[in-house]
Full PDB file with SEQRES, HELIX, SHEET, SSBOND, CRYST1, ORIGX, SCALE, CONECT and MASTER records, all heavy atoms in Angstrom:
SEQRES   1 A   36  ASN LYS GLY LEU GLU VAL ILE GLU ALA LYS TRP LEU PHE          
SEQRES   2 A   36  ASP VAL ASN PRO SER ASP ILE GLN VAL VAL VAL GLN PRO          
SEQRES   3 A   36  GLN SER ILE ILE HIS SER MET VAL GLU TYR                      
HELIX    1 AA1 LYS A    2  PHE A   13  1                                  12    
HELIX    2 AA2 PRO A   17  ASP A   19  5                                   3    
CRYST1    1.000    1.000    1.000  90.00  90.00  90.00 P 1           1          
ORIGX1      1.000000  0.000000  0.000000        0.00000                         
ORIGX2      0.000000  1.000000  0.000000        0.00000                         
ORIGX3      0.000000  0.000000  1.000000        0.00000                         
SCALE1      1.000000  0.000000  0.000000        0.00000                         
SCALE2      0.000000  1.000000  0.000000        0.00000                         
SCALE3      0.000000  0.000000  1.000000        0.00000                         
ATOM      1  N   ASN A   1      21.195-121.765-126.015  1.00  0.00           N  
ATOM      2  CA  ASN A   1      21.078-122.426-127.313  1.00  0.00           C  
ATOM      3  C   ASN A   1      21.779-121.630-128.412  1.00  0.00           C  
ATOM      4  O   ASN A   1      22.468-122.190-129.261  1.00  0.00           O  
ATOM      5  CB  ASN A   1      19.605-122.621-127.670  1.00  0.00           C  
ATOM      6  CG  ASN A   1      19.412-123.437-128.927  1.00  0.00           C  
ATOM      7  OD1 ASN A   1      19.927-124.542-129.022  1.00  0.00           O  
ATOM      8  ND2 ASN A   1      18.693-122.901-129.894  1.00  0.00           N  
ATOM      9  N   LYS A   2      21.623-120.303-128.370  1.00  0.00           N  
ATOM     10  CA  LYS A   2      22.262-119.478-129.391  1.00  0.00           C  
ATOM     11  C   LYS A   2      23.778-119.501-129.212  1.00  0.00           C  
ATOM     12  O   LYS A   2      24.525-119.451-130.184  1.00  0.00           O  
ATOM     13  CB  LYS A   2      21.737-118.046-129.319  1.00  0.00           C  
ATOM     14  CG  LYS A   2      21.831-117.280-130.613  1.00  0.00           C  
ATOM     15  CD  LYS A   2      21.231-118.000-131.804  1.00  0.00           C  
ATOM     16  CE  LYS A   2      19.833-118.515-131.602  1.00  0.00           C  
ATOM     17  NZ  LYS A   2      19.301-119.227-132.790  1.00  0.00           N  
ATOM     18  N   GLY A   3      24.223-119.575-127.963  1.00  0.00           N  
ATOM     19  CA  GLY A   3      25.654-119.707-127.716  1.00  0.00           C  
ATOM     20  C   GLY A   3      26.212-121.001-128.272  1.00  0.00           C  
ATOM     21  O   GLY A   3      27.290-121.025-128.884  1.00  0.00           O  
ATOM     22  N   LEU A   4      25.476-122.090-128.071  1.00  0.00           N  
ATOM     23  CA  LEU A   4      25.892-123.376-128.645  1.00  0.00           C  
ATOM     24  C   LEU A   4      25.945-123.286-130.170  1.00  0.00           C  
ATOM     25  O   LEU A   4      26.850-123.845-130.809  1.00  0.00           O  
ATOM     26  CB  LEU A   4      24.926-124.480-128.210  1.00  0.00           C  
ATOM     27  CG  LEU A   4      24.892-124.803-126.709  1.00  0.00           C  
ATOM     28  CD1 LEU A   4      23.724-125.726-126.395  1.00  0.00           C  
ATOM     29  CD2 LEU A   4      26.200-125.432-126.256  1.00  0.00           C  
ATOM     30  N   GLU A   5      24.993-122.565-130.746  1.00  0.00           N  
ATOM     31  CA  GLU A   5      24.958-122.422-132.204  1.00  0.00           C  
ATOM     32  C   GLU A   5      26.120-121.577-132.724  1.00  0.00           C  
ATOM     33  O   GLU A   5      26.602-121.803-133.835  1.00  0.00           O  
ATOM     34  CB  GLU A   5      23.618-121.827-132.638  1.00  0.00           C  
ATOM     35  CG  GLU A   5      22.464-122.799-132.487  1.00  0.00           C  
ATOM     36  CD  GLU A   5      21.123-122.191-132.849  1.00  0.00           C  
ATOM     37  OE1 GLU A   5      21.082-121.013-133.267  1.00  0.00           O  
ATOM     38  OE2 GLU A   5      20.108-122.894-132.709  1.00  0.00           O  
ATOM     39  N   VAL A   6      26.570-120.605-131.942  1.00  0.00           N  
ATOM     40  CA  VAL A   6      27.753-119.824-132.329  1.00  0.00           C  
ATOM     41  C   VAL A   6      28.961-120.748-132.438  1.00  0.00           C  
ATOM     42  O   VAL A   6      29.716-120.713-133.423  1.00  0.00           O  
ATOM     43  CB  VAL A   6      28.027-118.699-131.305  1.00  0.00           C  
ATOM     44  CG1 VAL A   6      29.420-118.097-131.521  1.00  0.00           C  
ATOM     45  CG2 VAL A   6      26.971-117.604-131.416  1.00  0.00           C  
ATOM     46  N   ILE A   7      29.144-121.610-131.426  1.00  0.00           N  
ATOM     47  CA  ILE A   7      30.274-122.539-131.439  1.00  0.00           C  
ATOM     48  C   ILE A   7      30.146-123.519-132.605  1.00  0.00           C  
ATOM     49  O   ILE A   7      31.115-123.802-133.320  1.00  0.00           O  
ATOM     50  CB  ILE A   7      30.369-123.297-130.100  1.00  0.00           C  
ATOM     51  CG1 ILE A   7      30.549-122.302-128.944  1.00  0.00           C  
ATOM     52  CG2 ILE A   7      31.519-124.304-130.131  1.00  0.00           C  
ATOM     53  CD1 ILE A   7      30.487-122.930-127.560  1.00  0.00           C  
ATOM     54  N   GLU A   8      28.936-124.018-132.815  1.00  0.00           N  
ATOM     55  CA  GLU A   8      28.688-124.950-133.919  1.00  0.00           C  
ATOM     56  C   GLU A   8      28.982-124.290-135.264  1.00  0.00           C  
ATOM     57  O   GLU A   8      29.600-124.890-136.150  1.00  0.00           O  
ATOM     58  CB  GLU A   8      27.235-125.421-133.862  1.00  0.00           C  
ATOM     59  CG  GLU A   8      26.918-126.590-134.766  1.00  0.00           C  
ATOM     60  CD  GLU A   8      25.481-127.057-134.625  1.00  0.00           C  
ATOM     61  OE1 GLU A   8      24.685-126.419-133.921  1.00  0.00           O  
ATOM     62  OE2 GLU A   8      25.160-128.079-135.257  1.00  0.00           O  
ATOM     63  N   ALA A   9      28.552-123.037-135.430  1.00  0.00           N  
ATOM     64  CA  ALA A   9      28.787-122.317-136.689  1.00  0.00           C  
ATOM     65  C   ALA A   9      30.267-122.114-136.950  1.00  0.00           C  
ATOM     66  O   ALA A   9      30.721-122.167-138.098  1.00  0.00           O  
ATOM     67  CB  ALA A   9      28.067-120.969-136.659  1.00  0.00           C  
ATOM     68  N   LYS A  10      31.033-121.884-135.885  1.00  0.00           N  
ATOM     69  CA  LYS A  10      32.484-121.721-136.042  1.00  0.00           C  
ATOM     70  C   LYS A  10      33.102-122.937-136.728  1.00  0.00           C  
ATOM     71  O   LYS A  10      33.938-122.815-137.631  1.00  0.00           O  
ATOM     72  CB  LYS A  10      33.125-121.499-134.668  1.00  0.00           C  
ATOM     73  CG  LYS A  10      34.669-121.403-134.694  1.00  0.00           C  
ATOM     74  CD  LYS A  10      35.291-122.676-134.166  1.00  0.00           C  
ATOM     75  CE  LYS A  10      36.788-122.583-134.002  1.00  0.00           C  
ATOM     76  NZ  LYS A  10      37.549-122.339-135.210  1.00  0.00           N  
ATOM     77  N   TRP A  11      32.660-124.128-136.322  1.00  0.00           N  
ATOM     78  CA  TRP A  11      33.214-125.358-136.893  1.00  0.00           C  
ATOM     79  C   TRP A  11      32.601-125.685-138.257  1.00  0.00           C  
ATOM     80  O   TRP A  11      33.317-126.082-139.180  1.00  0.00           O  
ATOM     81  CB  TRP A  11      33.000-126.522-135.924  1.00  0.00           C  
ATOM     82  CG  TRP A  11      33.814-126.392-134.682  1.00  0.00           C  
ATOM     83  CD1 TRP A  11      33.356-126.169-133.405  1.00  0.00           C  
ATOM     84  CD2 TRP A  11      35.238-126.443-134.586  1.00  0.00           C  
ATOM     85  NE1 TRP A  11      34.405-126.080-132.540  1.00  0.00           N  
ATOM     86  CE2 TRP A  11      35.575-126.254-133.226  1.00  0.00           C  
ATOM     87  CE3 TRP A  11      36.263-126.638-135.519  1.00  0.00           C  
ATOM     88  CZ2 TRP A  11      36.896-126.255-132.774  1.00  0.00           C  
ATOM     89  CZ3 TRP A  11      37.585-126.635-135.071  1.00  0.00           C  
ATOM     90  CH2 TRP A  11      37.887-126.440-133.718  1.00  0.00           C  
ATOM     91  N   LEU A  12      31.298-125.525-138.381  1.00  0.00           N  
ATOM     92  CA  LEU A  12      30.631-125.862-139.636  1.00  0.00           C  
ATOM     93  C   LEU A  12      31.148-125.037-140.804  1.00  0.00           C  
ATOM     94  O   LEU A  12      31.339-125.554-141.914  1.00  0.00           O  
ATOM     95  CB  LEU A  12      29.118-125.649-139.511  1.00  0.00           C  
ATOM     96  CG  LEU A  12      28.266-126.790-138.978  1.00  0.00           C  
ATOM     97  CD1 LEU A  12      26.851-126.308-138.745  1.00  0.00           C  
ATOM     98  CD2 LEU A  12      28.287-127.990-139.909  1.00  0.00           C  
ATOM     99  N   PHE A  13      31.364-123.745-140.556  1.00  0.00           N  
ATOM    100  CA  PHE A  13      31.647-122.824-141.658  1.00  0.00           C  
ATOM    101  C   PHE A  13      33.064-122.258-141.615  1.00  0.00           C  
ATOM    102  O   PHE A  13      33.398-121.390-142.411  1.00  0.00           O  
ATOM    103  CB  PHE A  13      30.597-121.704-141.661  1.00  0.00           C  
ATOM    104  CG  PHE A  13      29.188-122.239-141.691  1.00  0.00           C  
ATOM    105  CD1 PHE A  13      28.331-122.056-140.609  1.00  0.00           C  
ATOM    106  CD2 PHE A  13      28.726-122.973-142.777  1.00  0.00           C  
ATOM    107  CE1 PHE A  13      27.040-122.579-140.624  1.00  0.00           C  
ATOM    108  CE2 PHE A  13      27.443-123.504-142.796  1.00  0.00           C  
ATOM    109  CZ  PHE A  13      26.598-123.301-141.718  1.00  0.00           C  
ATOM    110  N   ASP A  14      33.885-122.768-140.692  1.00  0.00           N  
ATOM    111  CA  ASP A  14      35.303-122.407-140.623  1.00  0.00           C  
ATOM    112  C   ASP A  14      35.487-120.894-140.573  1.00  0.00           C  
ATOM    113  O   ASP A  14      36.188-120.299-141.387  1.00  0.00           O  
ATOM    114  CB  ASP A  14      36.051-123.003-141.826  1.00  0.00           C  
ATOM    115  CG  ASP A  14      37.561-122.865-141.702  1.00  0.00           C  
ATOM    116  OD1 ASP A  14      38.054-122.753-140.566  1.00  0.00           O  
ATOM    117  OD2 ASP A  14      38.240-122.856-142.747  1.00  0.00           O  
ATOM    118  N   VAL A  15      34.824-120.259-139.593  1.00  0.00           N  
ATOM    119  CA  VAL A  15      34.931-118.812-139.408  1.00  0.00           C  
ATOM    120  C   VAL A  15      35.363-118.521-137.974  1.00  0.00           C  
ATOM    121  O   VAL A  15      35.187-119.351-137.076  1.00  0.00           O  
ATOM    122  CB  VAL A  15      33.591-118.090-139.698  1.00  0.00           C  
ATOM    123  CG1 VAL A  15      33.221-118.208-141.165  1.00  0.00           C  
ATOM    124  CG2 VAL A  15      32.473-118.635-138.822  1.00  0.00           C  
ATOM    125  N   ASN A  16      35.919-117.353-137.763  1.00  0.00           N  
ATOM    126  CA  ASN A  16      36.276-116.933-136.411  1.00  0.00           C  
ATOM    127  C   ASN A  16      35.017-116.561-135.638  1.00  0.00           C  
ATOM    128  O   ASN A  16      34.103-115.943-136.198  1.00  0.00           O  
ATOM    129  CB  ASN A  16      37.210-115.725-136.463  1.00  0.00           C  
ATOM    130  CG  ASN A  16      38.558-116.065-137.056  1.00  0.00           C  
ATOM    131  OD1 ASN A  16      39.106-117.140-136.796  1.00  0.00           O  
ATOM    132  ND2 ASN A  16      39.091-115.167-137.863  1.00  0.00           N  
ATOM    133  N   PRO A  17      34.946-116.897-134.348  1.00  0.00           N  
ATOM    134  CA  PRO A  17      33.772-116.506-133.545  1.00  0.00           C  
ATOM    135  C   PRO A  17      33.510-115.009-133.579  1.00  0.00           C  
ATOM    136  O   PRO A  17      32.347-114.582-133.508  1.00  0.00           O  
ATOM    137  CB  PRO A  17      34.143-116.983-132.137  1.00  0.00           C  
ATOM    138  CG  PRO A  17      35.093-118.118-132.361  1.00  0.00           C  
ATOM    139  CD  PRO A  17      35.877-117.742-133.581  1.00  0.00           C  
ATOM    140  N   SER A  18      34.567-114.197-133.709  1.00  0.00           N  
ATOM    141  CA  SER A  18      34.389-112.742-133.768  1.00  0.00           C  
ATOM    142  C   SER A  18      33.661-112.304-135.034  1.00  0.00           C  
ATOM    143  O   SER A  18      33.160-111.176-135.117  1.00  0.00           O  
ATOM    144  CB  SER A  18      35.743-112.040-133.682  1.00  0.00           C  
ATOM    145  OG  SER A  18      36.594-112.452-134.735  1.00  0.00           O  
ATOM    146  N   ASP A  19      33.591-113.199-136.025  1.00  0.00           N  
ATOM    147  CA  ASP A  19      32.881-112.900-137.268  1.00  0.00           C  
ATOM    148  C   ASP A  19      31.474-113.484-137.290  1.00  0.00           C  
ATOM    149  O   ASP A  19      30.835-113.564-138.341  1.00  0.00           O  
ATOM    150  CB  ASP A  19      33.683-113.427-138.469  1.00  0.00           C  
ATOM    151  CG  ASP A  19      34.999-112.688-138.656  1.00  0.00           C  
ATOM    152  OD1 ASP A  19      35.049-111.492-138.330  1.00  0.00           O  
ATOM    153  OD2 ASP A  19      35.980-113.313-139.096  1.00  0.00           O  
ATOM    154  N   ILE A  20      30.992-113.918-136.122  1.00  0.00           N  
ATOM    155  CA  ILE A  20      29.620-114.416-135.981  1.00  0.00           C  
ATOM    156  C   ILE A  20      28.868-113.440-135.083  1.00  0.00           C  
ATOM    157  O   ILE A  20      29.198-113.276-133.911  1.00  0.00           O  
ATOM    158  CB  ILE A  20      29.585-115.831-135.374  1.00  0.00           C  
ATOM    159  CG1 ILE A  20      30.421-116.804-136.208  1.00  0.00           C  
ATOM    160  CG2 ILE A  20      28.138-116.326-135.269  1.00  0.00           C  
ATOM    161  CD1 ILE A  20      30.623-118.152-135.550  1.00  0.00           C  
ATOM    162  N   GLN A  21      27.876-112.774-135.646  1.00  0.00           N  
ATOM    163  CA  GLN A  21      27.103-111.771-134.912  1.00  0.00           C  
ATOM    164  C   GLN A  21      25.687-112.283-134.706  1.00  0.00           C  
ATOM    165  O   GLN A  21      25.008-112.655-135.664  1.00  0.00           O  
ATOM    166  CB  GLN A  21      27.073-110.453-135.698  1.00  0.00           C  
ATOM    167  CG  GLN A  21      26.265-109.342-135.037  1.00  0.00           C  
ATOM    168  CD  GLN A  21      26.247-108.068-135.866  1.00  0.00           C  
ATOM    169  OE1 GLN A  21      27.051-107.895-136.777  1.00  0.00           O  
ATOM    170  NE2 GLN A  21      25.311-107.182-135.567  1.00  0.00           N  
ATOM    171  N   VAL A  22      25.242-112.307-133.458  1.00  0.00           N  
ATOM    172  CA  VAL A  22      23.877-112.753-133.146  1.00  0.00           C  
ATOM    173  C   VAL A  22      22.919-111.570-133.255  1.00  0.00           C  
ATOM    174  O   VAL A  22      23.174-110.489-132.725  1.00  0.00           O  
ATOM    175  CB  VAL A  22      23.811-113.381-131.738  1.00  0.00           C  
ATOM    176  CG1 VAL A  22      22.365-113.717-131.366  1.00  0.00           C  
ATOM    177  CG2 VAL A  22      24.681-114.630-131.676  1.00  0.00           C  
ATOM    178  N   VAL A  23      21.818-111.794-133.971  1.00  0.00           N  
ATOM    179  CA  VAL A  23      20.792-110.766-134.173  1.00  0.00           C  
ATOM    180  C   VAL A  23      19.448-111.350-133.748  1.00  0.00           C  
ATOM    181  O   VAL A  23      19.075-112.439-134.192  1.00  0.00           O  
ATOM    182  CB  VAL A  23      20.725-110.335-135.656  1.00  0.00           C  
ATOM    183  CG1 VAL A  23      19.630-109.292-135.855  1.00  0.00           C  
ATOM    184  CG2 VAL A  23      22.066-109.805-136.130  1.00  0.00           C  
ATOM    185  N   VAL A  24      18.724-110.655-132.885  1.00  0.00           N  
ATOM    186  CA  VAL A  24      17.397-111.107-132.466  1.00  0.00           C  
ATOM    187  C   VAL A  24      16.384-110.745-133.546  1.00  0.00           C  
ATOM    188  O   VAL A  24      16.307-109.589-133.980  1.00  0.00           O  
ATOM    189  CB  VAL A  24      16.994-110.484-131.117  1.00  0.00           C  
ATOM    190  CG1 VAL A  24      15.554-110.868-130.760  1.00  0.00           C  
ATOM    191  CG2 VAL A  24      17.948-110.938-130.017  1.00  0.00           C  
ATOM    192  N   GLN A  25      15.638-111.766-133.992  1.00  0.00           N  
ATOM    193  CA  GLN A  25      14.612-111.573-135.021  1.00  0.00           C  
ATOM    194  C   GLN A  25      13.352-112.285-134.520  1.00  0.00           C  
ATOM    195  O   GLN A  25      13.158-113.479-134.773  1.00  0.00           O  
ATOM    196  CB  GLN A  25      15.114-112.159-136.356  1.00  0.00           C  
ATOM    197  CG  GLN A  25      14.482-111.567-137.606  1.00  0.00           C  
ATOM    198  CD  GLN A  25      13.045-112.015-137.802  1.00  0.00           C  
ATOM    199  OE1 GLN A  25      12.786-113.149-138.144  1.00  0.00           O  
ATOM    200  NE2 GLN A  25      12.100-111.114-137.569  1.00  0.00           N  
ATOM    201  N   PRO A  26      12.509-111.571-133.772  1.00  0.00           N  
ATOM    202  CA  PRO A  26      11.455-112.207-132.979  1.00  0.00           C  
ATOM    203  C   PRO A  26      10.436-113.017-133.771  1.00  0.00           C  
ATOM    204  O   PRO A  26       9.867-113.973-133.247  1.00  0.00           O  
ATOM    205  CB  PRO A  26      10.771-111.020-132.275  1.00  0.00           C  
ATOM    206  CG  PRO A  26      11.774-109.927-132.298  1.00  0.00           C  
ATOM    207  CD  PRO A  26      12.559-110.113-133.554  1.00  0.00           C  
ATOM    208  N   GLN A  27      10.172-112.648-135.048  1.00  0.00           N  
ATOM    209  CA  GLN A  27       9.149-113.378-135.807  1.00  0.00           C  
ATOM    210  C   GLN A  27       9.656-114.723-136.339  1.00  0.00           C  
ATOM    211  O   GLN A  27       8.879-115.514-136.859  1.00  0.00           O  
ATOM    212  CB  GLN A  27       8.664-112.525-136.991  1.00  0.00           C  
ATOM    213  CG  GLN A  27       7.986-111.227-136.590  1.00  0.00           C  
ATOM    214  CD  GLN A  27       8.929-110.035-136.678  1.00  0.00           C  
ATOM    215  OE1 GLN A  27      10.152-110.176-136.617  1.00  0.00           O  
ATOM    216  NE2 GLN A  27       8.370-108.839-136.836  1.00  0.00           N  
ATOM    217  N   SER A  28      10.961-114.978-136.221  1.00  0.00           N  
ATOM    218  CA  SER A  28      11.570-116.212-136.751  1.00  0.00           C  
ATOM    219  C   SER A  28      11.225-116.408-138.219  1.00  0.00           C  
ATOM    220  O   SER A  28      10.854-117.500-138.667  1.00  0.00           O  
ATOM    221  CB  SER A  28      11.134-117.439-135.926  1.00  0.00           C  
ATOM    222  OG  SER A  28      11.621-117.351-134.611  1.00  0.00           O  
ATOM    223  N   ILE A  29      11.362-115.331-138.979  1.00  0.00           N  
ATOM    224  CA  ILE A  29      11.151-115.374-140.432  1.00  0.00           C  
ATOM    225  C   ILE A  29      12.491-115.385-141.163  1.00  0.00           C  
ATOM    226  O   ILE A  29      12.683-116.151-142.101  1.00  0.00           O  
ATOM    227  CB  ILE A  29      10.286-114.183-140.880  1.00  0.00           C  
ATOM    228  CG1 ILE A  29       8.846-114.378-140.390  1.00  0.00           C  
ATOM    229  CG2 ILE A  29      10.310-114.011-142.405  1.00  0.00           C  
ATOM    230  CD1 ILE A  29       7.957-113.181-140.586  1.00  0.00           C  
ATOM    231  N   ILE A  30      13.420-114.522-140.709  1.00  0.00           N  
ATOM    232  CA  ILE A  30      14.798-114.608-141.208  1.00  0.00           C  
ATOM    233  C   ILE A  30      15.516-115.647-140.365  1.00  0.00           C  
ATOM    234  O   ILE A  30      15.666-115.482-139.157  1.00  0.00           O  
ATOM    235  CB  ILE A  30      15.533-113.255-141.103  1.00  0.00           C  
ATOM    236  CG1 ILE A  30      14.806-112.172-141.879  1.00  0.00           C  
ATOM    237  CG2 ILE A  30      16.966-113.387-141.599  1.00  0.00           C  
ATOM    238  CD1 ILE A  30      15.426-110.792-141.718  1.00  0.00           C  
ATOM    239  N   HIS A  31      15.963-116.721-140.982  1.00  0.00           N  
ATOM    240  CA  HIS A  31      16.553-117.819-140.212  1.00  0.00           C  
ATOM    241  C   HIS A  31      18.050-117.660-140.019  1.00  0.00           C  
ATOM    242  O   HIS A  31      18.602-118.282-139.109  1.00  0.00           O  
ATOM    243  CB  HIS A  31      16.186-119.151-140.846  1.00  0.00           C  
ATOM    244  CG  HIS A  31      14.714-119.399-140.816  1.00  0.00           C  
ATOM    245  ND1 HIS A  31      13.999-119.438-139.640  1.00  0.00           N  
ATOM    246  CD2 HIS A  31      13.803-119.553-141.807  1.00  0.00           C  
ATOM    247  CE1 HIS A  31      12.721-119.633-139.910  1.00  0.00           C  
ATOM    248  NE2 HIS A  31      12.576-119.699-141.212  1.00  0.00           N  
ATOM    249  N   SER A  32      18.693-116.899-140.817  1.00  0.00           N  
ATOM    250  CA  SER A  32      20.072-116.414-140.639  1.00  0.00           C  
ATOM    251  C   SER A  32      20.516-115.777-141.945  1.00  0.00           C  
ATOM    252  O   SER A  32      19.840-115.889-142.979  1.00  0.00           O  
ATOM    253  CB  SER A  32      21.052-117.507-140.199  1.00  0.00           C  
ATOM    254  OG  SER A  32      21.002-117.689-138.788  1.00  0.00           O  
ATOM    255  N   MET A  33      21.683-115.093-141.889  1.00  0.00           N  
ATOM    256  CA  MET A  33      22.171-114.333-143.040  1.00  0.00           C  
ATOM    257  C   MET A  33      23.692-114.458-143.140  1.00  0.00           C  
ATOM    258  O   MET A  33      24.357-114.765-142.147  1.00  0.00           O  
ATOM    259  CB  MET A  33      21.805-112.848-142.894  1.00  0.00           C  
ATOM    260  CG  MET A  33      20.318-112.580-142.746  1.00  0.00           C  
ATOM    261  SD  MET A  33      19.949-110.867-142.263  1.00  0.00           S  
ATOM    262  CE  MET A  33      20.134-110.962-140.473  1.00  0.00           C  
ATOM    263  N   VAL A  34      24.200-114.200-144.335  1.00  0.00           N  
ATOM    264  CA  VAL A  34      25.643-114.115-144.556  1.00  0.00           C  
ATOM    265  C   VAL A  34      25.947-112.778-145.213  1.00  0.00           C  
ATOM    266  O   VAL A  34      25.321-112.424-146.222  1.00  0.00           O  
ATOM    267  CB  VAL A  34      26.163-115.267-145.448  1.00  0.00           C  
ATOM    268  CG1 VAL A  34      27.654-115.098-145.727  1.00  0.00           C  
ATOM    269  CG2 VAL A  34      25.894-116.618-144.791  1.00  0.00           C  
ATOM    270  N   GLU A  35      26.864-112.030-144.619  1.00  0.00           N  
ATOM    271  CA  GLU A  35      27.320-110.778-145.215  1.00  0.00           C  
ATOM    272  C   GLU A  35      28.648-111.032-145.919  1.00  0.00           C  
ATOM    273  O   GLU A  35      29.552-111.650-145.339  1.00  0.00           O  
ATOM    274  CB  GLU A  35      27.508-109.708-144.138  1.00  0.00           C  
ATOM    275  CG  GLU A  35      28.000-108.375-144.693  1.00  0.00           C  
ATOM    276  CD  GLU A  35      28.270-107.347-143.604  1.00  0.00           C  
ATOM    277  OE1 GLU A  35      27.423-107.222-142.687  1.00  0.00           O  
ATOM    278  OE2 GLU A  35      29.318-106.685-143.665  1.00  0.00           O  
ATOM    279  N   TYR A  36      28.737-110.561-147.152  1.00  0.00           N  
ATOM    280  CA  TYR A  36      29.950-110.762-147.949  1.00  0.00           C  
ATOM    281  C   TYR A  36      30.809-109.496-147.974  1.00  0.00           C  
ATOM    282  O   TYR A  36      30.366-108.416-147.567  1.00  0.00           O  
ATOM    283  CB  TYR A  36      29.569-111.214-149.359  1.00  0.00           C  
ATOM    284  CG  TYR A  36      29.006-112.613-149.364  1.00  0.00           C  
ATOM    285  CD1 TYR A  36      27.630-112.833-149.236  1.00  0.00           C  
ATOM    286  CD2 TYR A  36      29.840-113.720-149.456  1.00  0.00           C  
ATOM    287  CE1 TYR A  36      27.105-114.118-149.211  1.00  0.00           C  
ATOM    288  CE2 TYR A  36      29.329-115.011-149.425  1.00  0.00           C  
ATOM    289  CZ  TYR A  36      27.965-115.204-149.304  1.00  0.00           C  
ATOM    290  OH  TYR A  36      27.461-116.476-149.262  1.00  0.00           O  
TER     291      TYR A  36                                                      
MASTER        0    0    0    2    0    0    0    6  290    1    0    3          
END                                                                             
């Protein structure tokens, strides 16, 4: 599922897959982040 989301994020946000980093956050409180 997270792999599918990486591919989806590439298209949604027009970014390179190498610029998408998966981070495990077990409590599911941080839903995702953007680093500028």
